[in-house]
């Protein structure tokens, strides 16, 4: 179930990466205007990226206190989808970014999340008049992040082969709660609690 929000609320929504390039770039559908698992709808044409463009950093886990793992090259609207293309830091510049890209390319780390502030929204009610979600009509993009996924044996084994530390494993993987897609999205929603980070800190 979604939570009611105000214009001061920072909202995070997760989805999966669409394509990864050999040139350390990745393209993903940041959001679309379908009803998500929390009952919310985000209008693709409602995105305001004017402030974001001045500092288009690509973060890990919404951690604005650490160095970025890359930057957002561009964002655009394609039909009912809000798209983004990112590039990771050059190889060798940052070990953590290198590990994140390696896990992404291997297909074990593939969830991304948008952080935004609502500008205009309205409640969504069911046929009985019960509130069931939020229709985000206009929203300001704050940041884009690669986010953790639930741990599984294969992913952890690959991570260990890349010499991930215990701390790395704790950052990259949330506790395993199942293998289907809804659990991946559920964990992506709770990544702030998992990493004990707050965008507003």
N, C-alpha and C. Protein backbone atom coordinates (compact mmCIF):
# COMPACT_ATOMS: atom_id res chain seq x y z
N UNK A 1 0.84 -1.19 0.00
CA UNK A 1 0.00 0.00 0.00
C UNK A 1 0.88 1.25 0.00
N UNK A 2 0.56 2.20 -0.80
CA UNK A 2 1.29 3.45 -0.87
C UNK A 2 1.03 4.28 0.37
N UNK A 3 1.90 5.26 0.60
CA UNK A 3 1.72 6.18 1.70
C UNK A 3 1.34 7.54 1.13
N UNK A 4 0.45 8.25 1.83
CA UNK A 4 0.09 9.58 1.37
C UNK A 4 1.29 10.51 1.52
N UNK A 5 1.45 11.40 0.56
CA UNK A 5 2.63 12.26 0.54
C UNK A 5 2.23 13.71 0.42
N UNK A 6 3.18 14.58 0.79
CA UNK A 6 3.01 16.01 0.62
C UNK A 6 4.11 16.49 -0.31
N UNK A 7 4.08 17.78 -0.64
CA UNK A 7 5.10 18.32 -1.54
C UNK A 7 6.48 18.34 -0.90
N UNK A 8 6.56 18.14 0.42
CA UNK A 8 7.85 18.11 1.11
C UNK A 8 8.42 16.71 1.18
N UNK A 9 7.65 15.71 0.78
CA UNK A 9 8.08 14.33 0.87
C UNK A 9 9.02 13.97 -0.27
N UNK A 10 10.09 13.23 0.06
CA UNK A 10 10.96 12.68 -0.97
C UNK A 10 10.49 11.26 -1.24
N UNK A 11 10.12 10.97 -2.49
CA UNK A 11 9.56 9.69 -2.86
C UNK A 11 10.59 8.91 -3.68
N UNK A 12 10.65 7.60 -3.45
CA UNK A 12 11.54 6.73 -4.21
C UNK A 12 10.72 5.66 -4.91
N UNK A 13 10.99 5.45 -6.18
CA UNK A 13 10.31 4.42 -6.96
C UNK A 13 11.36 3.62 -7.73
N UNK A 14 11.19 2.32 -7.74
CA UNK A 14 12.19 1.44 -8.32
C UNK A 14 11.68 0.74 -9.58
N UNK A 15 12.64 0.41 -10.45
CA UNK A 15 12.35 -0.37 -11.65
C UNK A 15 13.61 -1.10 -12.06
N UNK A 16 13.60 -1.72 -13.19
CA UNK A 16 14.75 -2.50 -13.61
C UNK A 16 15.45 -1.89 -14.81
N UNK A 17 16.74 -2.15 -14.92
CA UNK A 17 17.54 -1.62 -16.01
C UNK A 17 17.19 -2.32 -17.32
N UNK A 18 17.16 -1.56 -18.38
CA UNK A 18 16.74 -2.08 -19.69
C UNK A 18 17.91 -2.64 -20.49
N UNK A 19 19.04 -1.95 -20.50
CA UNK A 19 20.18 -2.40 -21.31
C UNK A 19 21.47 -1.89 -20.70
N UNK A 20 22.53 -2.71 -20.82
CA UNK A 20 23.86 -2.34 -20.34
C UNK A 20 24.83 -2.41 -21.50
N UNK A 21 25.62 -1.36 -21.68
CA UNK A 21 26.57 -1.32 -22.79
C UNK A 21 27.98 -1.66 -22.35
N UNK A 22 28.81 -2.09 -23.30
CA UNK A 22 30.22 -2.37 -23.01
C UNK A 22 31.00 -1.10 -22.70
N UNK A 23 30.43 0.05 -23.02
CA UNK A 23 31.10 1.32 -22.80
C UNK A 23 30.80 1.90 -21.42
N UNK A 24 30.39 1.05 -20.46
CA UNK A 24 30.08 1.45 -19.08
C UNK A 24 28.86 2.37 -19.01
N UNK A 25 27.95 2.18 -19.94
CA UNK A 25 26.69 2.92 -19.89
C UNK A 25 25.54 1.94 -19.63
N UNK A 26 24.44 2.48 -19.16
CA UNK A 26 23.23 1.68 -18.95
C UNK A 26 22.03 2.56 -19.23
N UNK A 27 21.02 1.96 -19.83
CA UNK A 27 19.77 2.66 -20.12
C UNK A 27 18.65 1.98 -19.36
N UNK A 28 17.76 2.76 -18.77
CA UNK A 28 16.66 2.16 -18.04
C UNK A 28 15.39 2.99 -18.14
N UNK A 29 14.29 2.31 -17.92
CA UNK A 29 12.99 2.98 -17.80
C UNK A 29 12.89 3.44 -16.35
N UNK A 30 13.04 4.74 -16.12
CA UNK A 30 13.00 5.25 -14.76
C UNK A 30 11.61 5.10 -14.16
N UNK A 31 10.59 5.33 -14.95
CA UNK A 31 9.21 5.13 -14.51
C UNK A 31 8.30 5.20 -15.73
N UNK A 32 7.04 4.78 -15.55
CA UNK A 32 6.05 4.98 -16.59
C UNK A 32 4.74 5.36 -15.91
N UNK A 33 3.69 5.55 -16.70
CA UNK A 33 2.45 6.05 -16.11
C UNK A 33 1.44 4.94 -15.82
N UNK A 34 1.93 3.70 -15.71
CA UNK A 34 1.04 2.61 -15.31
C UNK A 34 0.88 2.62 -13.78
N UNK A 35 -0.13 1.93 -13.30
CA UNK A 35 -0.33 1.82 -11.85
C UNK A 35 0.72 0.86 -11.30
N UNK A 36 1.52 1.33 -10.33
CA UNK A 36 2.57 0.46 -9.79
C UNK A 36 2.03 -0.40 -8.65
N UNK A 37 2.91 -1.17 -8.04
CA UNK A 37 2.49 -2.12 -7.01
C UNK A 37 1.97 -1.45 -5.75
N UNK A 38 2.23 -0.17 -5.61
CA UNK A 38 1.75 0.56 -4.43
C UNK A 38 0.49 1.34 -4.72
N UNK A 39 -0.06 1.17 -5.93
CA UNK A 39 -1.28 1.86 -6.30
C UNK A 39 -1.06 3.26 -6.82
N UNK A 40 0.20 3.65 -7.04
CA UNK A 40 0.53 5.00 -7.49
C UNK A 40 0.69 5.06 -9.00
N UNK A 41 0.49 6.26 -9.54
CA UNK A 41 0.69 6.54 -10.96
C UNK A 41 1.57 7.77 -11.07
N UNK A 42 2.62 7.72 -11.89
CA UNK A 42 3.50 8.87 -12.12
C UNK A 42 3.41 9.26 -13.58
N UNK A 43 2.97 10.47 -13.84
CA UNK A 43 2.83 10.93 -15.23
C UNK A 43 4.22 11.12 -15.86
N UNK A 44 4.45 10.45 -16.98
CA UNK A 44 5.74 10.54 -17.67
C UNK A 44 6.03 11.96 -18.13
N UNK A 45 4.98 12.68 -18.54
CA UNK A 45 5.18 14.05 -19.03
C UNK A 45 5.22 15.07 -17.90
N UNK A 46 5.14 14.60 -16.66
CA UNK A 46 5.13 15.51 -15.52
C UNK A 46 6.49 15.74 -14.88
N UNK A 47 7.54 15.14 -15.45
CA UNK A 47 8.86 15.25 -14.84
C UNK A 47 9.51 16.61 -15.09
N UNK A 48 10.01 17.22 -14.02
CA UNK A 48 10.76 18.47 -14.10
C UNK A 48 12.22 18.13 -13.78
N UNK A 49 13.10 18.23 -14.77
CA UNK A 49 14.51 17.89 -14.58
C UNK A 49 15.41 19.12 -14.62
N UNK A 50 14.82 20.32 -14.56
CA UNK A 50 15.60 21.55 -14.73
C UNK A 50 16.70 21.69 -13.68
N UNK A 51 16.41 21.43 -12.43
CA UNK A 51 17.43 21.55 -11.40
C UNK A 51 18.37 20.35 -11.42
N UNK A 52 17.83 19.19 -11.71
CA UNK A 52 18.64 17.97 -11.74
C UNK A 52 19.75 18.07 -12.78
N UNK A 53 19.48 18.70 -13.91
CA UNK A 53 20.46 18.78 -14.99
C UNK A 53 21.73 19.52 -14.59
N UNK A 54 21.64 20.37 -13.58
CA UNK A 54 22.83 21.11 -13.14
C UNK A 54 23.78 20.23 -12.33
N UNK A 55 23.30 19.08 -11.86
CA UNK A 55 24.14 18.17 -11.07
C UNK A 55 23.61 16.74 -11.23
N UNK A 56 23.75 16.18 -12.44
CA UNK A 56 23.10 14.90 -12.77
C UNK A 56 23.89 13.67 -12.30
N UNK A 57 24.06 13.55 -11.01
CA UNK A 57 24.85 12.44 -10.48
C UNK A 57 24.05 11.15 -10.40
N UNK A 58 24.75 10.05 -10.63
CA UNK A 58 24.20 8.71 -10.49
C UNK A 58 24.77 8.13 -9.20
N UNK A 59 23.89 7.85 -8.23
CA UNK A 59 24.30 7.43 -6.89
C UNK A 59 24.11 5.94 -6.68
N UNK A 60 24.59 5.47 -5.56
CA UNK A 60 24.28 4.11 -5.13
C UNK A 60 23.45 4.19 -3.85
N UNK A 61 22.28 3.55 -3.87
CA UNK A 61 21.45 3.47 -2.67
C UNK A 61 21.01 4.81 -2.12
N UNK A 62 20.84 5.81 -2.98
CA UNK A 62 20.40 7.15 -2.56
C UNK A 62 21.38 7.79 -1.57
N UNK A 63 22.63 7.37 -1.61
CA UNK A 63 23.63 7.88 -0.66
C UNK A 63 24.25 9.16 -1.20
N UNK A 64 23.65 10.27 -0.86
CA UNK A 64 24.14 11.57 -1.34
C UNK A 64 25.37 12.04 -0.58
N UNK A 65 25.76 11.30 0.46
CA UNK A 65 26.93 11.70 1.24
C UNK A 65 28.22 11.07 0.73
N UNK A 66 28.10 10.12 -0.19
CA UNK A 66 29.28 9.47 -0.76
C UNK A 66 29.50 9.94 -2.19
N UNK A 67 30.67 9.63 -2.73
CA UNK A 67 30.95 9.99 -4.11
C UNK A 67 29.99 9.25 -5.04
N UNK A 68 29.61 9.86 -6.15
CA UNK A 68 28.73 9.18 -7.11
C UNK A 68 29.47 8.03 -7.79
N UNK A 69 28.70 7.09 -8.33
CA UNK A 69 29.31 6.00 -9.09
C UNK A 69 29.28 6.31 -10.58
N UNK A 70 28.69 7.43 -10.94
CA UNK A 70 28.63 7.84 -12.34
C UNK A 70 27.81 9.10 -12.49
N UNK A 71 27.35 9.35 -13.69
CA UNK A 71 26.50 10.51 -13.93
C UNK A 71 25.43 10.16 -14.95
N UNK A 72 24.37 10.94 -14.94
CA UNK A 72 23.27 10.74 -15.88
C UNK A 72 23.58 11.55 -17.13
N UNK A 73 23.65 10.86 -18.25
CA UNK A 73 23.97 11.53 -19.52
C UNK A 73 22.77 12.28 -20.07
N UNK A 74 21.59 11.66 -19.98
CA UNK A 74 20.39 12.31 -20.49
C UNK A 74 19.15 11.63 -19.95
N UNK A 75 18.07 12.37 -19.94
CA UNK A 75 16.75 11.82 -19.62
C UNK A 75 15.80 12.27 -20.73
N UNK A 76 14.78 11.45 -20.98
CA UNK A 76 13.82 11.81 -22.01
C UNK A 76 12.53 11.03 -21.80
N UNK A 77 11.47 11.49 -22.46
CA UNK A 77 10.17 10.82 -22.40
C UNK A 77 9.96 10.08 -23.70
N UNK A 78 9.61 8.80 -23.59
CA UNK A 78 9.32 7.96 -24.75
C UNK A 78 7.93 7.38 -24.56
N UNK A 79 6.94 8.03 -25.17
CA UNK A 79 5.56 7.60 -24.97
C UNK A 79 5.13 7.80 -23.53
N UNK A 80 4.82 6.70 -22.85
CA UNK A 80 4.41 6.80 -21.45
C UNK A 80 5.55 6.44 -20.50
N UNK A 81 6.79 6.45 -21.01
CA UNK A 81 7.95 6.07 -20.20
C UNK A 81 8.90 7.24 -20.01
N UNK A 82 9.43 7.37 -18.81
CA UNK A 82 10.48 8.34 -18.51
C UNK A 82 11.79 7.57 -18.50
N UNK A 83 12.67 7.88 -19.46
CA UNK A 83 13.89 7.12 -19.69
C UNK A 83 15.12 7.86 -19.18
N UNK A 84 16.17 7.11 -18.92
CA UNK A 84 17.43 7.72 -18.51
C UNK A 84 18.60 6.87 -19.00
N UNK A 85 19.68 7.53 -19.37
CA UNK A 85 20.92 6.85 -19.73
C UNK A 85 22.02 7.35 -18.82
N UNK A 86 22.75 6.43 -18.21
CA UNK A 86 23.80 6.79 -17.27
C UNK A 86 25.13 6.22 -17.74
N UNK A 87 26.21 6.80 -17.24
CA UNK A 87 27.54 6.25 -17.46
C UNK A 87 28.23 6.12 -16.12
N UNK A 88 28.93 5.03 -15.94
CA UNK A 88 29.69 4.82 -14.72
C UNK A 88 31.02 5.55 -14.79
N UNK A 89 31.64 5.77 -13.64
CA UNK A 89 32.97 6.38 -13.60
C UNK A 89 33.94 5.55 -14.44
N UNK A 90 34.96 6.19 -15.02
CA UNK A 90 35.94 5.43 -15.81
C UNK A 90 36.57 4.30 -15.00
N UNK A 91 36.86 3.21 -15.67
CA UNK A 91 37.43 2.04 -15.01
C UNK A 91 38.72 2.41 -14.28
N UNK A 92 38.83 1.99 -13.03
CA UNK A 92 40.01 2.26 -12.23
C UNK A 92 39.93 3.52 -11.40
N UNK A 93 38.94 4.36 -11.65
CA UNK A 93 38.82 5.60 -10.88
C UNK A 93 38.29 5.35 -9.48
N UNK A 94 37.35 4.39 -9.38
CA UNK A 94 36.74 4.09 -8.09
C UNK A 94 36.42 2.60 -8.02
N UNK A 95 36.98 1.90 -7.03
CA UNK A 95 36.82 0.45 -6.94
C UNK A 95 35.37 0.05 -6.74
N UNK A 96 34.66 0.81 -5.93
CA UNK A 96 33.26 0.48 -5.65
C UNK A 96 32.42 0.61 -6.93
N UNK A 97 32.64 1.67 -7.70
CA UNK A 97 31.91 1.85 -8.96
C UNK A 97 32.23 0.73 -9.93
N UNK A 98 33.49 0.28 -9.96
CA UNK A 98 33.88 -0.82 -10.83
C UNK A 98 33.13 -2.10 -10.44
N UNK A 99 33.03 -2.35 -9.15
CA UNK A 99 32.33 -3.54 -8.67
C UNK A 99 30.84 -3.45 -9.00
N UNK A 100 30.26 -2.26 -8.82
CA UNK A 100 28.84 -2.08 -9.11
C UNK A 100 28.56 -2.35 -10.59
N UNK A 101 29.43 -1.84 -11.46
CA UNK A 101 29.22 -2.06 -12.90
C UNK A 101 29.40 -3.54 -13.25
N UNK A 102 30.38 -4.19 -12.63
CA UNK A 102 30.60 -5.61 -12.91
C UNK A 102 29.38 -6.44 -12.51
N UNK A 103 28.79 -6.14 -11.36
CA UNK A 103 27.61 -6.86 -10.91
C UNK A 103 26.41 -6.55 -11.81
N UNK A 104 26.32 -5.32 -12.25
CA UNK A 104 25.25 -4.92 -13.15
C UNK A 104 25.36 -5.66 -14.49
N UNK A 105 26.55 -5.69 -15.04
CA UNK A 105 26.76 -6.34 -16.33
C UNK A 105 26.53 -7.85 -16.24
N UNK A 106 26.84 -8.42 -15.07
CA UNK A 106 26.63 -9.85 -14.87
C UNK A 106 25.16 -10.18 -14.65
N UNK A 107 24.34 -9.16 -14.45
CA UNK A 107 22.91 -9.37 -14.30
C UNK A 107 22.45 -9.65 -12.89
N UNK A 108 23.34 -9.50 -11.90
CA UNK A 108 22.97 -9.77 -10.53
C UNK A 108 22.53 -8.51 -9.78
N UNK A 109 22.90 -7.38 -10.28
CA UNK A 109 22.49 -6.11 -9.67
C UNK A 109 21.78 -5.32 -10.76
N UNK A 110 20.44 -5.21 -10.68
CA UNK A 110 19.73 -4.64 -11.82
C UNK A 110 18.53 -3.78 -11.45
N UNK A 111 18.50 -3.28 -10.23
CA UNK A 111 17.38 -2.42 -9.83
C UNK A 111 17.86 -0.97 -9.73
N UNK A 112 17.07 -0.06 -10.27
CA UNK A 112 17.36 1.36 -10.18
C UNK A 112 16.18 2.08 -9.54
N UNK A 113 16.43 3.26 -9.00
CA UNK A 113 15.38 3.97 -8.28
C UNK A 113 15.49 5.47 -8.53
N UNK A 114 14.34 6.11 -8.73
CA UNK A 114 14.30 7.56 -8.87
C UNK A 114 13.89 8.17 -7.53
N UNK A 115 14.53 9.25 -7.18
CA UNK A 115 14.13 10.01 -6.01
C UNK A 115 13.54 11.32 -6.49
N UNK A 116 12.32 11.64 -6.05
CA UNK A 116 11.69 12.86 -6.55
C UNK A 116 10.84 13.53 -5.48
N UNK A 117 10.54 14.78 -5.73
CA UNK A 117 9.69 15.57 -4.85
C UNK A 117 8.41 15.92 -5.60
N UNK A 118 7.26 15.56 -5.07
CA UNK A 118 5.99 15.87 -5.76
C UNK A 118 5.76 17.37 -5.85
N UNK A 119 5.26 17.81 -6.99
CA UNK A 119 4.87 19.21 -7.17
C UNK A 119 3.34 19.35 -7.26
N UNK A 120 2.73 18.35 -7.88
CA UNK A 120 1.28 18.34 -8.01
C UNK A 120 0.81 16.90 -7.99
N UNK A 121 -0.09 16.57 -7.08
CA UNK A 121 -0.59 15.21 -6.99
C UNK A 121 -2.02 15.20 -6.49
N UNK A 122 -2.68 14.08 -6.68
CA UNK A 122 -4.04 13.92 -6.21
C UNK A 122 -4.25 12.47 -5.78
N UNK A 123 -5.15 12.24 -4.83
CA UNK A 123 -5.38 10.87 -4.36
C UNK A 123 -6.13 10.04 -5.38
N UNK A 124 -5.92 8.74 -5.31
CA UNK A 124 -6.64 7.78 -6.13
C UNK A 124 -7.53 6.95 -5.20
N UNK A 125 -8.82 6.86 -5.54
CA UNK A 125 -9.76 6.12 -4.71
C UNK A 125 -10.30 4.92 -5.47
N UNK A 126 -10.65 3.86 -4.73
CA UNK A 126 -11.29 2.72 -5.37
C UNK A 126 -12.78 2.99 -5.53
N UNK A 127 -13.52 2.02 -6.03
CA UNK A 127 -14.94 2.21 -6.30
C UNK A 127 -15.76 2.44 -5.04
N UNK A 128 -15.22 2.04 -3.89
CA UNK A 128 -15.92 2.22 -2.62
C UNK A 128 -15.52 3.50 -1.90
N UNK A 129 -14.67 4.30 -2.56
CA UNK A 129 -14.26 5.57 -1.97
C UNK A 129 -13.08 5.47 -1.02
N UNK A 130 -12.40 4.33 -0.99
CA UNK A 130 -11.23 4.16 -0.13
C UNK A 130 -9.97 4.62 -0.88
N UNK A 131 -9.14 5.37 -0.18
CA UNK A 131 -7.89 5.83 -0.77
C UNK A 131 -6.97 4.63 -1.02
N UNK A 132 -6.39 4.55 -2.22
CA UNK A 132 -5.54 3.40 -2.52
C UNK A 132 -4.19 3.78 -3.14
N UNK A 133 -3.95 5.05 -3.38
CA UNK A 133 -2.68 5.45 -3.96
C UNK A 133 -2.66 6.93 -4.30
N UNK A 134 -1.58 7.33 -4.97
CA UNK A 134 -1.39 8.74 -5.33
C UNK A 134 -1.12 8.87 -6.82
N UNK A 135 -1.77 9.81 -7.44
CA UNK A 135 -1.52 10.15 -8.84
C UNK A 135 -0.57 11.34 -8.85
N UNK A 136 0.69 11.09 -9.20
CA UNK A 136 1.69 12.16 -9.29
C UNK A 136 1.59 12.79 -10.67
N UNK A 137 1.17 14.05 -10.70
CA UNK A 137 0.94 14.75 -11.96
C UNK A 137 2.18 15.53 -12.40
N UNK A 138 2.83 16.17 -11.43
CA UNK A 138 4.08 16.89 -11.69
C UNK A 138 5.04 16.58 -10.55
N UNK A 139 6.32 16.33 -10.90
CA UNK A 139 7.30 15.98 -9.89
C UNK A 139 8.70 16.41 -10.32
N UNK A 140 9.50 16.81 -9.35
CA UNK A 140 10.87 17.25 -9.61
C UNK A 140 11.84 16.11 -9.35
N UNK A 141 12.64 15.77 -10.34
CA UNK A 141 13.64 14.72 -10.17
C UNK A 141 14.77 15.24 -9.29
N UNK A 142 15.11 14.49 -8.25
CA UNK A 142 16.19 14.85 -7.34
C UNK A 142 17.45 14.05 -7.61
N UNK A 143 17.30 12.76 -7.82
CA UNK A 143 18.47 11.92 -8.04
C UNK A 143 18.06 10.57 -8.62
N UNK A 144 19.04 9.89 -9.19
CA UNK A 144 18.86 8.54 -9.71
C UNK A 144 19.88 7.64 -9.03
N UNK A 145 19.47 6.44 -8.67
CA UNK A 145 20.35 5.54 -7.92
C UNK A 145 20.27 4.11 -8.42
N UNK A 146 21.40 3.44 -8.36
CA UNK A 146 21.44 1.99 -8.44
C UNK A 146 21.17 1.50 -7.01
N UNK A 147 20.30 0.49 -6.86
CA UNK A 147 19.90 0.10 -5.51
C UNK A 147 20.11 -1.40 -5.29
N UNK A 148 20.15 -1.83 -4.02
CA UNK A 148 20.40 -3.23 -3.69
C UNK A 148 19.30 -4.15 -4.18
N UNK A 149 19.67 -5.42 -4.29
CA UNK A 149 18.71 -6.48 -4.59
C UNK A 149 18.80 -7.52 -3.49
N UNK A 150 17.77 -8.37 -3.36
CA UNK A 150 17.86 -9.46 -2.39
C UNK A 150 19.04 -10.37 -2.69
N UNK A 151 19.69 -10.88 -1.66
CA UNK A 151 20.83 -11.76 -1.85
C UNK A 151 20.37 -13.13 -2.35
N UNK A 152 21.20 -13.73 -3.20
CA UNK A 152 21.00 -15.13 -3.57
C UNK A 152 22.38 -15.74 -3.74
N UNK A 153 22.44 -17.05 -3.69
CA UNK A 153 23.73 -17.74 -3.66
C UNK A 153 24.61 -17.39 -4.86
N UNK A 154 24.02 -17.36 -6.07
CA UNK A 154 24.80 -17.06 -7.27
C UNK A 154 25.37 -15.66 -7.24
N UNK A 155 24.53 -14.69 -6.85
CA UNK A 155 24.98 -13.30 -6.81
C UNK A 155 26.10 -13.12 -5.79
N UNK A 156 25.92 -13.72 -4.62
CA UNK A 156 26.94 -13.59 -3.57
C UNK A 156 28.25 -14.25 -4.01
N UNK A 157 28.15 -15.39 -4.70
CA UNK A 157 29.35 -16.08 -5.17
C UNK A 157 30.11 -15.22 -6.17
N UNK A 158 29.38 -14.58 -7.11
CA UNK A 158 30.03 -13.69 -8.07
C UNK A 158 30.67 -12.51 -7.35
N UNK A 159 29.97 -11.96 -6.38
CA UNK A 159 30.50 -10.84 -5.61
C UNK A 159 31.79 -11.23 -4.91
N UNK A 160 31.83 -12.41 -4.32
CA UNK A 160 33.03 -12.86 -3.63
C UNK A 160 34.18 -13.08 -4.60
N UNK A 161 33.86 -13.53 -5.81
CA UNK A 161 34.91 -13.74 -6.81
C UNK A 161 35.51 -12.41 -7.25
N UNK A 162 34.76 -11.33 -7.07
CA UNK A 162 35.25 -9.99 -7.38
C UNK A 162 35.91 -9.33 -6.17
N UNK A 163 36.11 -10.13 -5.13
CA UNK A 163 36.79 -9.68 -3.90
C UNK A 163 36.00 -8.62 -3.15
N UNK A 164 34.69 -8.80 -3.09
CA UNK A 164 33.87 -7.90 -2.30
C UNK A 164 34.15 -8.13 -0.82
N UNK A 165 34.23 -7.06 -0.08
CA UNK A 165 34.39 -7.16 1.36
C UNK A 165 33.03 -7.46 2.00
N UNK A 166 33.04 -7.79 3.29
CA UNK A 166 31.79 -8.01 4.01
C UNK A 166 30.92 -6.75 3.96
N UNK A 167 31.57 -5.59 4.04
CA UNK A 167 30.84 -4.32 3.97
C UNK A 167 30.19 -4.15 2.60
N UNK A 168 30.93 -4.48 1.53
CA UNK A 168 30.38 -4.41 0.18
C UNK A 168 29.14 -5.27 0.05
N UNK A 169 29.22 -6.50 0.54
CA UNK A 169 28.10 -7.43 0.44
C UNK A 169 26.88 -6.87 1.14
N UNK A 170 27.09 -6.23 2.30
CA UNK A 170 25.99 -5.63 3.04
C UNK A 170 25.35 -4.48 2.30
N UNK A 171 26.13 -3.78 1.47
CA UNK A 171 25.58 -2.65 0.70
C UNK A 171 24.86 -3.11 -0.56
N UNK A 172 25.45 -4.08 -1.25
CA UNK A 172 24.90 -4.50 -2.53
C UNK A 172 23.65 -5.35 -2.40
N UNK A 173 23.52 -6.08 -1.31
CA UNK A 173 22.43 -7.04 -1.21
C UNK A 173 21.58 -6.83 0.02
N UNK A 174 20.26 -6.75 -0.21
CA UNK A 174 19.30 -6.74 0.88
C UNK A 174 19.00 -8.19 1.25
N UNK A 175 18.41 -8.44 2.43
CA UNK A 175 18.08 -9.81 2.81
C UNK A 175 17.17 -10.46 1.77
N UNK A 176 17.39 -11.73 1.51
CA UNK A 176 16.60 -12.47 0.52
C UNK A 176 15.21 -12.78 1.08
N UNK A 177 14.17 -12.32 0.36
CA UNK A 177 12.80 -12.59 0.79
C UNK A 177 12.02 -13.34 -0.28
N UNK A 178 12.73 -13.83 -1.28
CA UNK A 178 12.05 -14.54 -2.37
C UNK A 178 12.71 -14.24 -3.69
N UNK A 179 12.37 -14.99 -4.71
CA UNK A 179 13.02 -14.84 -6.01
C UNK A 179 12.18 -14.12 -7.05
N UNK A 180 10.89 -13.88 -6.76
CA UNK A 180 10.08 -13.25 -7.79
C UNK A 180 10.22 -11.75 -7.76
N UNK A 181 9.76 -11.13 -8.83
CA UNK A 181 9.98 -9.71 -9.06
C UNK A 181 9.40 -8.82 -7.98
N UNK A 182 8.26 -9.19 -7.42
CA UNK A 182 7.63 -8.31 -6.43
C UNK A 182 8.49 -8.16 -5.19
N UNK A 183 9.27 -9.19 -4.85
CA UNK A 183 10.13 -9.08 -3.69
C UNK A 183 11.34 -8.19 -3.98
N UNK A 184 11.82 -8.21 -5.23
CA UNK A 184 12.91 -7.32 -5.60
C UNK A 184 12.47 -5.87 -5.47
N UNK A 185 11.28 -5.56 -5.97
CA UNK A 185 10.78 -4.20 -5.89
C UNK A 185 10.51 -3.82 -4.44
N UNK A 186 9.96 -4.75 -3.64
CA UNK A 186 9.70 -4.48 -2.24
C UNK A 186 10.99 -4.13 -1.51
N UNK A 187 12.06 -4.86 -1.80
CA UNK A 187 13.33 -4.56 -1.16
C UNK A 187 13.93 -3.25 -1.66
N UNK A 188 13.75 -2.97 -2.94
CA UNK A 188 14.25 -1.70 -3.46
C UNK A 188 13.56 -0.54 -2.77
N UNK A 189 12.27 -0.71 -2.44
CA UNK A 189 11.54 0.35 -1.75
C UNK A 189 12.10 0.60 -0.35
N UNK A 190 12.64 -0.44 0.29
CA UNK A 190 13.11 -0.31 1.66
C UNK A 190 14.62 -0.14 1.76
N UNK A 191 15.28 0.21 0.61
CA UNK A 191 16.73 0.30 0.66
C UNK A 191 17.25 1.37 1.60
N UNK A 192 16.49 2.42 1.82
CA UNK A 192 16.95 3.46 2.74
C UNK A 192 17.11 2.90 4.15
N UNK A 193 16.18 2.07 4.57
CA UNK A 193 16.29 1.45 5.88
C UNK A 193 17.43 0.44 5.90
N UNK A 194 17.59 -0.29 4.81
CA UNK A 194 18.64 -1.29 4.75
C UNK A 194 20.01 -0.64 4.88
N UNK A 195 20.21 0.48 4.20
CA UNK A 195 21.51 1.17 4.23
C UNK A 195 21.61 2.20 5.33
N UNK A 196 20.50 2.44 6.05
CA UNK A 196 20.46 3.44 7.12
C UNK A 196 20.93 4.80 6.61
N UNK A 197 20.36 5.17 5.46
CA UNK A 197 20.70 6.45 4.84
C UNK A 197 19.44 7.27 4.63
N UNK A 198 19.57 8.56 4.63
CA UNK A 198 18.45 9.45 4.34
C UNK A 198 18.93 10.52 3.36
N UNK A 199 18.20 10.70 2.28
CA UNK A 199 18.56 11.69 1.28
C UNK A 199 18.65 13.09 1.88
N UNK A 200 17.83 13.36 2.89
CA UNK A 200 17.77 14.71 3.46
C UNK A 200 18.88 14.97 4.48
N UNK A 201 19.68 13.95 4.86
CA UNK A 201 20.75 14.16 5.84
C UNK A 201 21.79 15.13 5.32
